N, C-alpha and C. Protein backbone atom coordinates (compact mmCIF):
# COMPACT_ATOMS: atom_id res chain seq x y z
N MET A 1 32.84 -5.15 14.07
CA MET A 1 32.05 -4.01 13.65
C MET A 1 31.43 -3.38 14.90
N ASN A 2 31.57 -2.06 15.04
CA ASN A 2 30.99 -1.40 16.21
C ASN A 2 29.50 -1.13 16.00
N ARG A 3 28.83 -0.67 17.05
CA ARG A 3 27.38 -0.45 17.01
C ARG A 3 26.98 0.52 15.90
N LYS A 4 27.72 1.62 15.78
CA LYS A 4 27.40 2.63 14.78
C LYS A 4 27.46 2.03 13.37
N GLU A 5 28.51 1.30 13.07
CA GLU A 5 28.66 0.66 11.76
C GLU A 5 27.57 -0.38 11.54
N SER A 6 27.27 -1.12 12.58
CA SER A 6 26.24 -2.16 12.49
C SER A 6 24.86 -1.56 12.22
N MET A 7 24.55 -0.45 12.90
CA MET A 7 23.26 0.21 12.67
C MET A 7 23.19 0.74 11.24
N ARG A 8 24.26 1.38 10.77
CA ARG A 8 24.28 1.93 9.42
C ARG A 8 24.11 0.81 8.40
N ARG A 9 24.81 -0.30 8.60
CA ARG A 9 24.71 -1.45 7.69
C ARG A 9 23.28 -2.00 7.69
N THR A 10 22.68 -2.08 8.86
CA THR A 10 21.32 -2.62 8.97
C THR A 10 20.32 -1.72 8.26
N VAL A 11 20.43 -0.41 8.45
CA VAL A 11 19.54 0.52 7.75
C VAL A 11 19.71 0.38 6.24
N GLY A 12 20.94 0.28 5.79
CA GLY A 12 21.19 0.09 4.36
C GLY A 12 20.55 -1.18 3.83
N LEU A 13 20.62 -2.25 4.60
CA LEU A 13 20.00 -3.52 4.19
C LEU A 13 18.48 -3.41 4.14
N ILE A 14 17.90 -2.71 5.10
CA ILE A 14 16.44 -2.52 5.11
C ILE A 14 16.02 -1.75 3.87
N VAL A 15 16.71 -0.66 3.59
CA VAL A 15 16.37 0.18 2.44
C VAL A 15 16.55 -0.60 1.13
N LYS A 16 17.67 -1.28 0.97
CA LYS A 16 17.93 -2.04 -0.26
C LYS A 16 16.91 -3.16 -0.44
N THR A 17 16.56 -3.83 0.66
CA THR A 17 15.57 -4.91 0.59
C THR A 17 14.22 -4.36 0.17
N GLU A 18 13.86 -3.20 0.71
CA GLU A 18 12.57 -2.58 0.36
C GLU A 18 12.54 -2.22 -1.12
N VAL A 19 13.62 -1.67 -1.64
CA VAL A 19 13.70 -1.31 -3.06
C VAL A 19 13.57 -2.56 -3.93
N LEU A 20 14.31 -3.60 -3.60
CA LEU A 20 14.25 -4.84 -4.37
C LEU A 20 12.87 -5.49 -4.31
N PHE A 21 12.25 -5.45 -3.14
CA PHE A 21 10.92 -6.04 -2.98
C PHE A 21 9.89 -5.29 -3.82
N HIS A 22 9.97 -3.95 -3.82
CA HIS A 22 9.04 -3.18 -4.64
C HIS A 22 9.26 -3.42 -6.13
N ARG A 23 10.50 -3.57 -6.54
CA ARG A 23 10.76 -3.90 -7.95
C ARG A 23 10.14 -5.25 -8.30
N LEU A 24 10.29 -6.21 -7.41
CA LEU A 24 9.69 -7.54 -7.63
C LEU A 24 8.18 -7.42 -7.78
N LEU A 25 7.54 -6.69 -6.87
CA LEU A 25 6.09 -6.52 -6.95
C LEU A 25 5.68 -5.83 -8.24
N GLU A 26 6.41 -4.80 -8.62
CA GLU A 26 6.09 -4.09 -9.87
C GLU A 26 6.20 -5.01 -11.08
N ARG A 27 7.24 -5.84 -11.10
CA ARG A 27 7.39 -6.80 -12.21
C ARG A 27 6.21 -7.76 -12.23
N GLN A 28 5.85 -8.25 -11.07
CA GLN A 28 4.77 -9.24 -11.01
C GLN A 28 3.43 -8.64 -11.40
N VAL A 29 3.10 -7.47 -10.87
CA VAL A 29 1.78 -6.91 -11.15
C VAL A 29 1.70 -6.27 -12.52
N SER A 30 2.83 -6.03 -13.17
CA SER A 30 2.79 -5.43 -14.51
C SER A 30 2.04 -6.32 -15.50
N HIS A 31 1.97 -7.61 -15.20
CA HIS A 31 1.28 -8.55 -16.09
C HIS A 31 -0.24 -8.49 -15.93
N THR A 32 -0.72 -7.77 -14.92
CA THR A 32 -2.17 -7.71 -14.70
C THR A 32 -2.83 -6.60 -15.49
N GLY A 33 -2.03 -5.67 -16.04
CA GLY A 33 -2.59 -4.56 -16.79
C GLY A 33 -2.96 -3.37 -15.92
N VAL A 34 -2.67 -3.45 -14.63
CA VAL A 34 -3.00 -2.37 -13.70
C VAL A 34 -1.71 -1.92 -13.03
N PHE A 35 -1.54 -0.61 -12.90
CA PHE A 35 -0.35 -0.07 -12.24
C PHE A 35 -0.37 -0.36 -10.75
N PRO A 36 0.81 -0.45 -10.11
CA PRO A 36 0.87 -0.76 -8.68
C PRO A 36 0.01 0.16 -7.81
N SER A 37 0.02 1.46 -8.08
CA SER A 37 -0.79 2.37 -7.26
C SER A 37 -2.29 2.09 -7.44
N GLN A 38 -2.67 1.62 -8.63
CA GLN A 38 -4.07 1.29 -8.87
C GLN A 38 -4.48 0.02 -8.14
N HIS A 39 -3.51 -0.88 -7.91
CA HIS A 39 -3.80 -2.09 -7.14
C HIS A 39 -4.25 -1.73 -5.74
N ARG A 40 -3.58 -0.75 -5.15
CA ARG A 40 -3.95 -0.33 -3.79
C ARG A 40 -5.39 0.19 -3.78
N LEU A 41 -5.77 0.95 -4.80
CA LEU A 41 -7.15 1.45 -4.89
C LEU A 41 -8.14 0.30 -5.03
N LEU A 42 -7.83 -0.64 -5.91
CA LEU A 42 -8.73 -1.78 -6.11
C LEU A 42 -8.87 -2.59 -4.83
N MET A 43 -7.78 -2.79 -4.12
CA MET A 43 -7.84 -3.57 -2.88
C MET A 43 -8.68 -2.85 -1.83
N GLU A 44 -8.55 -1.54 -1.77
CA GLU A 44 -9.36 -0.77 -0.82
C GLU A 44 -10.83 -0.87 -1.18
N LEU A 45 -11.15 -0.77 -2.47
CA LEU A 45 -12.54 -0.87 -2.91
C LEU A 45 -13.10 -2.27 -2.69
N ASP A 46 -12.25 -3.27 -2.78
CA ASP A 46 -12.69 -4.64 -2.52
C ASP A 46 -13.04 -4.80 -1.04
N ARG A 47 -12.26 -4.16 -0.16
CA ARG A 47 -12.52 -4.22 1.29
C ARG A 47 -13.69 -3.34 1.70
N ASN A 48 -13.85 -2.19 1.02
CA ASN A 48 -14.87 -1.20 1.38
C ASN A 48 -15.70 -0.82 0.15
N PRO A 49 -16.67 -1.65 -0.18
CA PRO A 49 -17.48 -1.39 -1.38
C PRO A 49 -18.24 -0.06 -1.31
N ALA A 50 -18.46 0.53 -2.45
CA ALA A 50 -19.23 1.77 -2.60
C ALA A 50 -18.65 2.91 -1.78
N CYS A 51 -17.37 3.00 -1.74
CA CYS A 51 -16.65 4.05 -1.02
C CYS A 51 -16.83 5.37 -1.78
N ALA A 52 -16.95 6.47 -1.06
CA ALA A 52 -17.04 7.78 -1.71
C ALA A 52 -15.67 8.16 -2.26
N GLN A 53 -15.68 8.83 -3.39
CA GLN A 53 -14.44 9.21 -4.06
C GLN A 53 -13.56 10.07 -3.15
N MET A 54 -14.16 11.01 -2.43
CA MET A 54 -13.38 11.87 -1.53
C MET A 54 -12.78 11.08 -0.37
N GLU A 55 -13.50 10.06 0.10
CA GLU A 55 -12.95 9.20 1.16
C GLU A 55 -11.66 8.53 0.69
N LEU A 56 -11.67 8.09 -0.56
CA LEU A 56 -10.47 7.46 -1.12
C LEU A 56 -9.30 8.44 -1.15
N ALA A 57 -9.58 9.67 -1.59
CA ALA A 57 -8.53 10.68 -1.65
C ALA A 57 -7.94 10.92 -0.26
N GLU A 58 -8.81 11.03 0.74
CA GLU A 58 -8.34 11.24 2.11
C GLU A 58 -7.55 10.04 2.62
N LYS A 59 -8.07 8.85 2.37
CA LYS A 59 -7.41 7.64 2.86
C LYS A 59 -6.00 7.50 2.29
N PHE A 60 -5.83 7.85 1.01
CA PHE A 60 -4.53 7.70 0.36
C PHE A 60 -3.68 8.96 0.44
N GLY A 61 -4.23 10.02 1.05
CA GLY A 61 -3.45 11.24 1.23
C GLY A 61 -3.11 11.95 -0.07
N VAL A 62 -4.05 11.91 -1.02
CA VAL A 62 -3.83 12.58 -2.30
C VAL A 62 -4.97 13.56 -2.56
N SER A 63 -4.78 14.41 -3.54
CA SER A 63 -5.79 15.40 -3.88
C SER A 63 -6.98 14.74 -4.59
N ALA A 64 -8.09 15.46 -4.60
CA ALA A 64 -9.27 14.98 -5.31
C ALA A 64 -8.96 14.80 -6.80
N ALA A 65 -8.16 15.72 -7.34
CA ALA A 65 -7.80 15.63 -8.76
C ALA A 65 -6.98 14.38 -9.05
N ALA A 66 -6.04 14.06 -8.16
CA ALA A 66 -5.19 12.88 -8.37
C ALA A 66 -6.01 11.60 -8.32
N ILE A 67 -6.95 11.52 -7.39
CA ILE A 67 -7.76 10.31 -7.28
C ILE A 67 -8.68 10.20 -8.49
N THR A 68 -9.15 11.34 -8.99
CA THR A 68 -10.01 11.33 -10.18
C THR A 68 -9.28 10.76 -11.38
N VAL A 69 -8.02 11.14 -11.57
CA VAL A 69 -7.22 10.63 -12.69
C VAL A 69 -7.07 9.12 -12.59
N SER A 70 -6.72 8.63 -11.41
CA SER A 70 -6.55 7.18 -11.22
C SER A 70 -7.86 6.44 -11.46
N LEU A 71 -8.95 6.99 -10.93
CA LEU A 71 -10.24 6.32 -11.08
C LEU A 71 -10.71 6.31 -12.53
N LYS A 72 -10.43 7.38 -13.27
CA LYS A 72 -10.80 7.42 -14.69
C LYS A 72 -10.13 6.28 -15.45
N LYS A 73 -8.84 6.06 -15.16
CA LYS A 73 -8.11 4.98 -15.83
C LYS A 73 -8.69 3.62 -15.46
N LEU A 74 -9.01 3.44 -14.19
CA LEU A 74 -9.59 2.16 -13.76
C LEU A 74 -10.98 1.96 -14.35
N GLU A 75 -11.74 3.04 -14.43
CA GLU A 75 -13.09 2.95 -15.01
C GLU A 75 -13.01 2.62 -16.50
N LYS A 76 -12.08 3.25 -17.19
CA LYS A 76 -11.90 2.99 -18.62
C LYS A 76 -11.53 1.52 -18.86
N GLY A 77 -10.74 0.94 -17.95
CA GLY A 77 -10.35 -0.46 -18.07
C GLY A 77 -11.44 -1.43 -17.63
N GLY A 78 -12.55 -0.90 -17.09
CA GLY A 78 -13.65 -1.76 -16.67
C GLY A 78 -13.48 -2.36 -15.28
N TYR A 79 -12.53 -1.81 -14.49
CA TYR A 79 -12.24 -2.36 -13.17
C TYR A 79 -13.12 -1.77 -12.07
N ILE A 80 -13.67 -0.58 -12.31
CA ILE A 80 -14.55 0.07 -11.34
C ILE A 80 -15.71 0.73 -12.06
N LYS A 81 -16.73 1.10 -11.27
CA LYS A 81 -17.84 1.92 -11.75
C LYS A 81 -18.00 3.06 -10.76
N ARG A 82 -18.31 4.25 -11.29
CA ARG A 82 -18.61 5.39 -10.41
C ARG A 82 -20.07 5.74 -10.57
N LYS A 83 -20.71 6.00 -9.44
CA LYS A 83 -22.12 6.37 -9.44
C LYS A 83 -22.32 7.60 -8.58
N ALA A 84 -23.11 8.54 -9.10
CA ALA A 84 -23.42 9.74 -8.32
C ALA A 84 -24.38 9.37 -7.19
N ASP A 85 -24.19 9.99 -6.04
CA ASP A 85 -25.06 9.78 -4.89
C ASP A 85 -26.47 10.27 -5.25
N ARG A 86 -27.48 9.52 -4.86
CA ARG A 86 -28.87 9.89 -5.20
C ARG A 86 -29.29 11.18 -4.52
N GLU A 87 -28.79 11.40 -3.31
CA GLU A 87 -29.20 12.58 -2.55
C GLU A 87 -28.30 13.78 -2.79
N ASP A 88 -27.05 13.54 -3.11
CA ASP A 88 -26.10 14.62 -3.34
C ASP A 88 -25.28 14.29 -4.59
N GLY A 89 -25.69 14.85 -5.72
CA GLY A 89 -25.06 14.56 -7.00
C GLY A 89 -23.59 14.94 -7.08
N ARG A 90 -23.11 15.74 -6.11
CA ARG A 90 -21.69 16.12 -6.10
C ARG A 90 -20.81 14.99 -5.59
N VAL A 91 -21.43 14.01 -4.92
CA VAL A 91 -20.69 12.91 -4.32
C VAL A 91 -20.72 11.70 -5.24
N ASN A 92 -19.55 11.16 -5.54
CA ASN A 92 -19.45 9.95 -6.36
C ASN A 92 -19.07 8.77 -5.48
N HIS A 93 -19.80 7.67 -5.64
CA HIS A 93 -19.44 6.43 -4.97
C HIS A 93 -18.75 5.54 -5.99
N VAL A 94 -17.75 4.82 -5.54
CA VAL A 94 -16.94 4.00 -6.44
C VAL A 94 -17.13 2.54 -6.05
N GLU A 95 -17.42 1.72 -7.05
CA GLU A 95 -17.62 0.28 -6.82
C GLU A 95 -16.67 -0.52 -7.69
N ILE A 96 -16.17 -1.59 -7.14
CA ILE A 96 -15.29 -2.48 -7.90
C ILE A 96 -16.17 -3.41 -8.74
N THR A 97 -15.75 -3.69 -9.96
CA THR A 97 -16.48 -4.59 -10.85
C THR A 97 -15.93 -6.01 -10.71
N PRO A 98 -16.60 -6.99 -11.31
CA PRO A 98 -16.05 -8.34 -11.30
C PRO A 98 -14.63 -8.41 -11.91
N GLU A 99 -14.38 -7.58 -12.93
CA GLU A 99 -13.04 -7.54 -13.53
C GLU A 99 -12.02 -7.02 -12.51
N GLY A 100 -12.42 -6.01 -11.74
CA GLY A 100 -11.55 -5.48 -10.70
C GLY A 100 -11.30 -6.49 -9.61
N LYS A 101 -12.34 -7.23 -9.23
CA LYS A 101 -12.19 -8.28 -8.21
C LYS A 101 -11.23 -9.38 -8.69
N ALA A 102 -11.29 -9.68 -9.98
CA ALA A 102 -10.38 -10.69 -10.53
C ALA A 102 -8.93 -10.23 -10.42
N VAL A 103 -8.68 -8.94 -10.68
CA VAL A 103 -7.32 -8.40 -10.56
C VAL A 103 -6.87 -8.45 -9.10
N VAL A 104 -7.77 -8.14 -8.17
CA VAL A 104 -7.42 -8.20 -6.74
C VAL A 104 -7.02 -9.62 -6.37
N GLY A 105 -7.80 -10.60 -6.81
CA GLY A 105 -7.47 -11.99 -6.52
C GLY A 105 -6.11 -12.39 -7.08
N GLN A 106 -5.86 -11.98 -8.31
CA GLN A 106 -4.57 -12.27 -8.95
C GLN A 106 -3.44 -11.58 -8.19
N SER A 107 -3.65 -10.34 -7.81
CA SER A 107 -2.63 -9.58 -7.08
C SER A 107 -2.31 -10.22 -5.74
N LEU A 108 -3.33 -10.66 -5.02
CA LEU A 108 -3.09 -11.29 -3.72
C LEU A 108 -2.23 -12.53 -3.86
N ARG A 109 -2.48 -13.31 -4.90
CA ARG A 109 -1.64 -14.49 -5.15
C ARG A 109 -0.20 -14.08 -5.46
N LEU A 110 -0.04 -13.03 -6.26
CA LEU A 110 1.30 -12.55 -6.60
C LEU A 110 2.03 -12.02 -5.36
N PHE A 111 1.30 -11.33 -4.49
CA PHE A 111 1.91 -10.79 -3.27
C PHE A 111 2.34 -11.93 -2.35
N GLU A 112 1.53 -12.97 -2.28
CA GLU A 112 1.90 -14.14 -1.46
C GLU A 112 3.17 -14.79 -2.01
N GLU A 113 3.26 -14.89 -3.33
CA GLU A 113 4.47 -15.45 -3.95
C GLU A 113 5.69 -14.60 -3.62
N ALA A 114 5.52 -13.27 -3.66
CA ALA A 114 6.63 -12.37 -3.35
C ALA A 114 7.05 -12.52 -1.90
N ASP A 115 6.08 -12.64 -1.00
CA ASP A 115 6.39 -12.85 0.42
C ASP A 115 7.18 -14.14 0.61
N GLU A 116 6.75 -15.20 -0.06
CA GLU A 116 7.44 -16.49 0.05
C GLU A 116 8.88 -16.38 -0.46
N LEU A 117 9.05 -15.66 -1.56
CA LEU A 117 10.39 -15.48 -2.11
C LEU A 117 11.27 -14.68 -1.14
N LEU A 118 10.72 -13.62 -0.58
CA LEU A 118 11.47 -12.79 0.36
C LEU A 118 11.94 -13.59 1.57
N PHE A 119 11.08 -14.47 2.07
CA PHE A 119 11.41 -15.21 3.30
C PHE A 119 11.82 -16.66 3.05
N ALA A 120 12.23 -16.97 1.82
CA ALA A 120 12.72 -18.32 1.51
C ALA A 120 13.92 -18.62 2.41
N GLY A 121 13.91 -19.80 3.01
CA GLY A 121 15.02 -20.20 3.87
C GLY A 121 14.91 -19.70 5.30
N PHE A 122 13.87 -18.92 5.61
CA PHE A 122 13.64 -18.44 6.97
C PHE A 122 12.70 -19.42 7.68
N GLY A 123 12.99 -19.70 8.92
CA GLY A 123 12.07 -20.47 9.74
C GLY A 123 10.97 -19.55 10.27
N ASP A 124 9.88 -20.15 10.74
CA ASP A 124 8.77 -19.36 11.29
C ASP A 124 9.24 -18.46 12.43
N ASP A 125 10.09 -18.99 13.30
CA ASP A 125 10.61 -18.21 14.43
C ASP A 125 11.44 -17.01 13.95
N GLU A 126 12.19 -17.20 12.87
CA GLU A 126 13.00 -16.11 12.34
C GLU A 126 12.12 -15.00 11.77
N VAL A 127 11.06 -15.39 11.07
CA VAL A 127 10.14 -14.39 10.52
C VAL A 127 9.49 -13.61 11.66
N GLU A 128 9.05 -14.32 12.69
CA GLU A 128 8.43 -13.66 13.86
C GLU A 128 9.42 -12.73 14.56
N ALA A 129 10.66 -13.18 14.73
CA ALA A 129 11.68 -12.36 15.40
C ALA A 129 11.97 -11.09 14.60
N LEU A 130 12.08 -11.24 13.28
CA LEU A 130 12.33 -10.07 12.43
C LEU A 130 11.16 -9.10 12.51
N ALA A 131 9.94 -9.62 12.47
CA ALA A 131 8.75 -8.77 12.58
C ALA A 131 8.75 -8.00 13.90
N ALA A 132 9.10 -8.67 14.98
CA ALA A 132 9.13 -8.01 16.29
C ALA A 132 10.18 -6.90 16.33
N LEU A 133 11.35 -7.17 15.79
CA LEU A 133 12.42 -6.16 15.79
C LEU A 133 12.04 -4.95 14.92
N LEU A 134 11.50 -5.21 13.74
CA LEU A 134 11.11 -4.12 12.86
C LEU A 134 9.95 -3.33 13.44
N SER A 135 9.06 -4.01 14.14
CA SER A 135 7.94 -3.34 14.80
C SER A 135 8.45 -2.35 15.85
N ARG A 136 9.42 -2.77 16.63
CA ARG A 136 10.01 -1.88 17.63
C ARG A 136 10.69 -0.68 16.98
N ALA A 137 11.40 -0.91 15.89
CA ALA A 137 12.06 0.19 15.18
C ALA A 137 11.02 1.17 14.64
N LYS A 138 9.94 0.64 14.08
CA LYS A 138 8.86 1.48 13.55
C LYS A 138 8.23 2.31 14.66
N GLU A 139 8.01 1.69 15.82
CA GLU A 139 7.43 2.41 16.95
C GLU A 139 8.34 3.56 17.40
N ASN A 140 9.65 3.35 17.39
CA ASN A 140 10.59 4.43 17.73
C ASN A 140 10.39 5.62 16.80
N LEU A 141 10.27 5.35 15.52
CA LEU A 141 10.10 6.43 14.54
C LEU A 141 8.74 7.08 14.66
N GLU A 142 7.70 6.30 14.94
CA GLU A 142 6.36 6.86 15.12
C GLU A 142 6.31 7.78 16.34
N ARG A 143 6.96 7.38 17.43
CA ARG A 143 7.01 8.24 18.62
C ARG A 143 7.71 9.56 18.30
N ASP A 144 8.81 9.47 17.56
CA ASP A 144 9.53 10.69 17.19
C ASP A 144 8.66 11.57 16.30
N GLU A 145 7.97 10.97 15.37
CA GLU A 145 7.10 11.74 14.47
C GLU A 145 5.99 12.43 15.25
N ALA A 146 5.41 11.73 16.23
CA ALA A 146 4.35 12.32 17.06
C ALA A 146 4.91 13.51 17.86
N ARG A 147 6.11 13.36 18.39
CA ARG A 147 6.74 14.47 19.13
C ARG A 147 6.96 15.67 18.22
N GLN A 148 7.34 15.43 16.99
CA GLN A 148 7.61 16.53 16.06
C GLN A 148 6.34 17.29 15.71
N ARG A 149 5.18 16.63 15.80
CA ARG A 149 3.91 17.29 15.50
C ARG A 149 3.41 18.14 16.66
N GLU A 150 3.99 17.94 17.84
CA GLU A 150 3.59 18.74 19.00
C GLU A 150 3.96 20.20 18.76
N PRO A 151 3.15 21.13 19.32
CA PRO A 151 3.39 22.57 19.08
C PRO A 151 4.81 23.03 19.39
N ASP A 152 5.42 22.45 20.42
CA ASP A 152 6.78 22.86 20.78
C ASP A 152 7.85 21.97 20.16
N GLY A 153 7.43 21.13 19.20
CA GLY A 153 8.38 20.23 18.55
C GLY A 153 8.87 19.12 19.44
N GLY A 154 8.10 18.83 20.52
CA GLY A 154 8.44 17.73 21.42
C GLY A 154 9.55 18.06 22.39
N LYS A 155 9.82 19.36 22.59
CA LYS A 155 10.92 19.76 23.49
C LYS A 155 10.42 20.03 24.88
């Protein structure tokens, strides 16, 4: 197999592995009663308590309306509480509840199980080597992306 074929095959394997891994995670977290995108919100709130609603929208790169919809669902399920800022009533702070923390704990265990399944049969050195190679590939793409954001398109 030549370099071009090998690169194409490798990219295909990365993409297919990512799709299969996300399906696995979705199957696992579906039993928690919270959608995968909501897990990310809960995990962020667990790391950063009393985060402002607009901060969450910015962090996740979504509109204020989109974050409001997700938060309403989480609030209805009892996973979060929203409180208006005492000084500025237009600002809502979002806090994770004990129920939300329980889902985060359950999710972390499920994610660890998924990681173990993904790397079953791999030695520690193999996992480290793969991480190093993928890190280099990611850096190549990040450099290209940064060049594309330059006013002259990186030319």
